[in-house]
Amino acid sequence: MFFTEVLIKKFYCPSLAAVFLLTACGNEEKEAPAVIPQTQLVSVANDSMIAEARSLVRTGDLVLRTGKDFSSEQVRDFSKTDKTYSHAGIALVSGDTIFVYHIEPDYYYKEDKVRKELLDSFCNPVKNYGIGIARYKLDEKEIEKLMTYIEKQYLNKVAFDMEFSLKSNDKMYCSEMIRKGLLQATNKRIDIEIQKLTDRSKFRLIKRYFKVPEKRFANMDIIPIDRLYLHPECSMIKQYLYEQ
């Protein structure tokens, strides 16, 4: 009935109404097919992507995401080769549950420690444009050592390093923790590249967001996100771009 009512309102005239009434009297009324809202279609599509990702992820995998917020945009811009992703963590498959260990800033200092977050939450389409799954060439012993290292940082409640210093171990940022874990697990076989931050155009934005003096960032050593998955010993398994 919905579609016929709309047609009558839009194109109404006496003769058309008469024709409609004459033809409708002899026909059984039919329900219009249900219309699925676009938002629901988007949600189903994104849930399907996450479900597929869940089936692919293994313990020790690198899980990447592209955040929608301003800070994520700045972090992506640190990468010189591929600016797709803004954050990364290491996966742990425990039975039917998948966690992602990661660390990110929190100005309220309530959740600025290493987190052990459910994969579905880490990959939330509401907060992210997409996700990726990458895998390092690790044997079972190396995976075990990597997870032992990451779990230790979680238990020690290592905080996010707002100064982005590679010298401290009680404070780290996401790619730093992963790099140090891989170094220890592989006896330095996998050594993620360190780059210099030399683009002065980024210094003001960094100062505003991270609240750190510009001079501290000048020529500073950093580990951009793309260095993690563009390493020769890492392969991209799958990339997903969410429906918006």
Protein backbone atom coordinates (compact mmCIF):
# COMPACT_ATOMS: atom_id res chain seq x y z
CA MET A 1 0.00 0.00 0.00
CA PHE A 2 2.87 2.37 0.68
CA PHE A 3 3.91 2.72 -2.96
CA THR A 4 0.35 3.23 -4.23
CA GLU A 5 -0.29 5.94 -1.63
CA VAL A 6 2.85 7.76 -2.66
CA LEU A 7 1.88 7.55 -6.35
CA ILE A 8 -1.59 8.94 -5.69
CA LYS A 9 -0.25 11.86 -3.66
CA LYS A 10 2.40 12.66 -6.24
CA PHE A 11 0.38 12.28 -9.44
CA TYR A 12 -3.23 12.71 -8.23
CA CYS A 13 -5.98 13.76 -10.61
CA PRO A 14 -9.69 12.73 -10.63
CA SER A 15 -9.44 10.58 -13.73
CA LEU A 16 -6.37 8.77 -12.51
CA ALA A 17 -7.97 8.15 -9.15
CA ALA A 18 -11.04 6.70 -10.86
CA VAL A 19 -8.96 4.37 -12.98
CA PHE A 20 -7.08 3.26 -9.90
CA LEU A 21 -10.26 2.53 -7.96
CA LEU A 22 -11.81 0.56 -10.83
CA THR A 23 -8.76 -1.60 -11.36
CA ALA A 24 -8.00 -2.04 -7.69
CA CYS A 25 -11.48 -3.34 -6.76
CA GLY A 26 -11.02 -6.58 -8.60
CA ASN A 27 -7.51 -7.28 -7.41
CA GLU A 28 -6.32 -8.67 -4.14
CA GLU A 29 -4.32 -6.15 -2.17
CA LYS A 30 -0.59 -6.93 -2.11
CA GLU A 31 1.96 -5.79 0.42
CA ALA A 32 4.92 -3.82 -0.89
CA PRO A 33 8.28 -5.51 -0.40
CA ALA A 34 10.15 -4.47 2.72
CA VAL A 35 12.75 -1.77 2.19
CA ILE A 36 16.00 -2.32 4.10
CA PRO A 37 17.49 0.97 5.35
CA GLN A 38 20.87 1.88 3.88
CA THR A 39 22.41 2.08 7.34
CA GLN A 40 21.39 -1.51 8.00
CA LEU A 41 22.89 -2.66 4.70
CA VAL A 42 26.15 -0.90 5.57
CA SER A 43 26.19 -2.50 9.02
CA VAL A 44 25.65 -5.98 7.56
CA ALA A 45 28.41 -5.46 5.00
CA ASN A 46 30.89 -4.29 7.63
CA ASP A 47 29.97 -7.07 10.04
CA SER A 48 30.62 -9.53 7.23
CA MET A 49 34.10 -8.09 6.71
CA ILE A 50 34.94 -8.37 10.40
CA ALA A 51 33.62 -11.95 10.47
CA GLU A 52 35.88 -12.86 7.57
CA ALA A 53 38.83 -11.11 9.23
CA ARG A 54 38.12 -13.10 12.39
CA SER A 55 38.43 -16.33 10.41
CA LEU A 56 41.81 -15.29 8.99
CA VAL A 57 43.58 -13.92 12.06
CA ARG A 58 46.21 -16.04 13.81
CA THR A 59 48.12 -15.47 17.02
CA GLY A 60 51.04 -13.13 16.37
CA ASP A 61 49.41 -11.41 13.40
CA LEU A 62 49.69 -7.68 12.93
CA VAL A 63 46.24 -6.07 13.02
CA LEU A 64 46.01 -2.60 11.48
CA ARG A 65 43.30 0.02 11.40
CA THR A 66 42.59 3.44 9.91
CA GLY A 67 41.09 5.74 12.51
CA LYS A 68 38.65 8.52 11.62
CA ASP A 69 39.80 11.05 14.23
CA PHE A 70 42.22 13.94 13.81
CA SER A 71 45.07 12.29 15.72
CA SER A 72 44.88 9.21 13.47
CA GLU A 73 45.24 11.45 10.45
CA GLN A 74 48.43 12.93 11.90
CA VAL A 75 49.88 9.51 12.74
CA ARG A 76 49.19 8.27 9.20
CA ASP A 77 51.07 11.25 7.86
CA PHE A 78 54.25 10.10 9.64
CA SER A 79 54.49 7.28 7.11
CA LYS A 80 56.38 8.28 3.97
CA THR A 81 55.57 5.34 1.67
CA ASP A 82 52.04 4.18 2.56
CA LYS A 83 49.72 6.36 4.63
CA THR A 84 46.85 3.86 4.84
CA TYR A 85 46.97 2.91 8.52
CA SER A 86 47.13 4.88 11.75
CA HIS A 87 47.38 2.21 14.44
CA ALA A 88 48.53 -1.38 14.97
CA GLY A 89 48.40 -4.21 17.47
CA ILE A 90 49.30 -7.88 17.85
CA ALA A 91 46.59 -10.56 17.79
CA LEU A 92 46.04 -13.35 20.29
CA VAL A 93 43.65 -16.18 19.40
CA SER A 94 42.29 -17.82 22.55
CA GLY A 95 39.73 -20.49 21.68
CA ASP A 96 36.88 -18.73 19.89
CA THR A 97 37.96 -15.32 21.17
CA ILE A 98 40.43 -13.00 19.48
CA PHE A 99 42.17 -10.19 21.33
CA VAL A 100 44.42 -7.40 20.08
CA TYR A 101 47.22 -6.09 22.29
CA HIS A 102 47.89 -2.43 21.58
CA ILE A 103 48.69 0.89 23.19
CA GLU A 104 47.37 4.36 22.37
CA PRO A 105 47.21 7.78 24.06
CA ASP A 106 44.55 8.89 26.50
CA TYR A 107 44.73 12.42 27.90
CA TYR A 108 42.68 11.37 30.92
CA TYR A 109 45.34 8.74 31.74
CA LYS A 110 42.71 6.10 32.40
CA GLU A 111 43.26 3.93 29.34
CA ASP A 112 46.74 4.94 28.22
CA LYS A 113 48.24 1.56 29.22
CA VAL A 114 48.71 -1.50 27.00
CA ARG A 115 45.24 -2.86 26.25
CA LYS A 116 43.97 -6.35 25.57
CA GLU A 117 40.92 -5.54 23.47
CA LEU A 118 38.48 -7.76 21.62
CA LEU A 119 39.11 -7.81 17.87
CA ASP A 120 35.57 -6.63 17.04
CA SER A 121 36.01 -3.62 19.31
CA PHE A 122 39.48 -2.81 17.96
CA CYS A 123 38.11 -2.91 14.40
CA ASN A 124 34.91 -0.94 15.14
CA PRO A 125 33.59 0.51 11.82
CA VAL A 126 32.07 3.47 13.66
CA LYS A 127 35.57 4.70 14.55
CA ASN A 128 37.56 3.37 11.61
CA TYR A 129 37.59 3.56 7.82
CA GLY A 130 39.06 0.09 7.45
CA ILE A 131 41.38 -2.61 8.76
CA GLY A 132 44.20 -4.83 7.60
CA ILE A 133 45.77 -8.13 8.61
CA ALA A 134 49.47 -8.78 8.06
CA ARG A 135 51.67 -11.71 9.06
CA TYR A 136 55.36 -11.98 9.90
CA LYS A 137 57.45 -14.98 8.91
CA LEU A 138 57.76 -16.43 12.40
CA ASP A 139 58.15 -20.01 13.57
CA GLU A 140 56.21 -21.34 16.56
CA LYS A 141 58.96 -20.54 19.06
CA GLU A 142 59.28 -16.99 17.77
CA ILE A 143 55.52 -16.46 17.99
CA GLU A 144 55.58 -17.75 21.56
CA LYS A 145 58.43 -15.38 22.46
CA LEU A 146 56.64 -12.47 20.81
CA MET A 147 53.44 -13.12 22.73
CA THR A 148 55.34 -13.56 25.99
CA TYR A 149 56.95 -10.16 25.46
CA ILE A 150 53.66 -8.45 24.57
CA GLU A 151 51.81 -10.07 27.49
CA LYS A 152 54.57 -8.87 29.82
CA GLN A 153 54.07 -5.27 28.69
CA TYR A 154 50.35 -5.69 29.29
CA LEU A 155 50.84 -7.08 32.80
CA ASN A 156 53.38 -4.36 33.61
CA LYS A 157 50.84 -1.75 32.50
CA VAL A 158 53.31 -0.02 30.21
CA ALA A 159 51.95 3.45 29.40
CA PHE A 160 51.77 5.30 26.11
CA ASP A 161 54.88 7.42 25.54
CA MET A 162 53.75 10.95 24.73
CA GLU A 163 57.37 11.92 24.05
CA PHE A 164 57.84 9.19 21.42
CA SER A 165 61.23 8.24 22.82
CA LEU A 166 62.70 4.89 21.77
CA LYS A 167 65.02 4.86 24.78
CA SER A 168 62.41 4.14 27.46
CA ASN A 169 60.86 0.73 28.14
CA ASP A 170 58.35 1.76 30.79
CA LYS A 171 56.59 3.94 28.20
CA MET A 172 56.10 3.10 24.51
CA TYR A 173 53.91 3.78 21.51
CA CYS A 174 52.24 1.11 19.38
CA SER A 175 54.83 0.53 16.64
CA GLU A 176 57.67 0.81 19.15
CA MET A 177 56.27 -1.99 21.31
CA ILE A 178 55.81 -4.22 18.26
CA ARG A 179 59.33 -3.50 16.99
CA LYS A 180 60.92 -4.31 20.35
CA GLY A 181 58.85 -7.48 20.65
CA LEU A 182 59.96 -8.69 17.21
CA LEU A 183 63.61 -7.90 17.95
CA GLN A 184 63.51 -10.02 21.09
CA ALA A 185 61.44 -12.84 19.58
CA THR A 186 63.60 -13.24 16.47
CA ASN A 187 67.00 -12.48 18.01
CA LYS A 188 67.11 -9.31 15.86
CA ARG A 189 66.34 -11.18 12.63
CA ILE A 190 63.33 -8.92 12.10
CA ASP A 191 64.42 -5.36 12.76
CA ILE A 192 61.77 -2.78 11.87
CA GLU A 193 63.26 0.30 10.22
CA ILE A 194 63.65 3.49 12.23
CA GLN A 195 63.28 6.78 10.35
CA LYS A 196 64.09 10.39 11.10
CA LEU A 197 61.30 12.92 11.49
CA THR A 198 62.55 15.75 9.29
CA ASP A 199 59.39 17.29 7.82
CA ARG A 200 59.07 20.58 9.70
CA SER A 201 55.58 21.15 8.32
CA LYS A 202 54.34 18.51 10.78
CA PHE A 203 55.97 19.98 13.89
CA ARG A 204 53.19 22.45 14.77
CA LEU A 205 50.50 19.81 14.48
CA ILE A 206 52.56 17.42 16.58
CA LYS A 207 53.13 20.10 19.19
CA ARG A 208 49.41 20.89 19.37
CA TYR A 209 48.31 17.27 19.64
CA PHE A 210 51.08 15.67 21.71
CA LYS A 211 51.87 18.78 23.77
CA VAL A 212 55.62 18.38 23.21
CA PRO A 213 58.05 21.20 22.26
CA GLU A 214 58.91 21.35 18.56
CA LYS A 215 62.64 21.12 19.18
CA ARG A 216 62.18 17.68 20.72
CA PHE A 217 60.73 16.37 17.46
CA ALA A 218 63.37 17.88 15.20
CA ASN A 219 65.36 15.05 13.62
CA MET A 220 63.83 12.58 16.08
CA ASP A 221 63.91 8.80 15.51
CA ILE A 222 60.42 7.38 14.92
CA ILE A 223 58.83 4.13 13.74
CA PRO A 224 56.04 4.99 11.28
CA ILE A 225 53.19 2.48 11.00
CA ASP A 226 53.99 1.54 7.40
CA ARG A 227 57.45 0.30 8.44
CA LEU A 228 55.71 -2.52 10.32
CA TYR A 229 53.95 -4.12 7.35
CA LEU A 230 56.24 -3.09 4.48
CA HIS A 231 59.09 -5.09 6.01
CA PRO A 232 60.38 -7.92 3.73
CA GLU A 233 59.53 -10.48 6.42
CA CYS A 234 55.88 -9.38 6.58
CA SER A 235 53.04 -10.21 4.18
CA MET A 236 49.67 -8.50 3.92
CA ILE A 237 46.96 -11.15 4.30
CA LYS A 238 43.85 -9.06 3.72
CA GLN A 239 42.74 -5.43 3.64
CA TYR A 240 39.19 -4.21 4.22
CA LEU A 241 37.67 -0.84 3.39
CA TYR A 242 34.45 -0.37 5.34
CA GLU A 243 31.20 0.80 3.77
CA GLN A 244 30.29 4.27 5.01
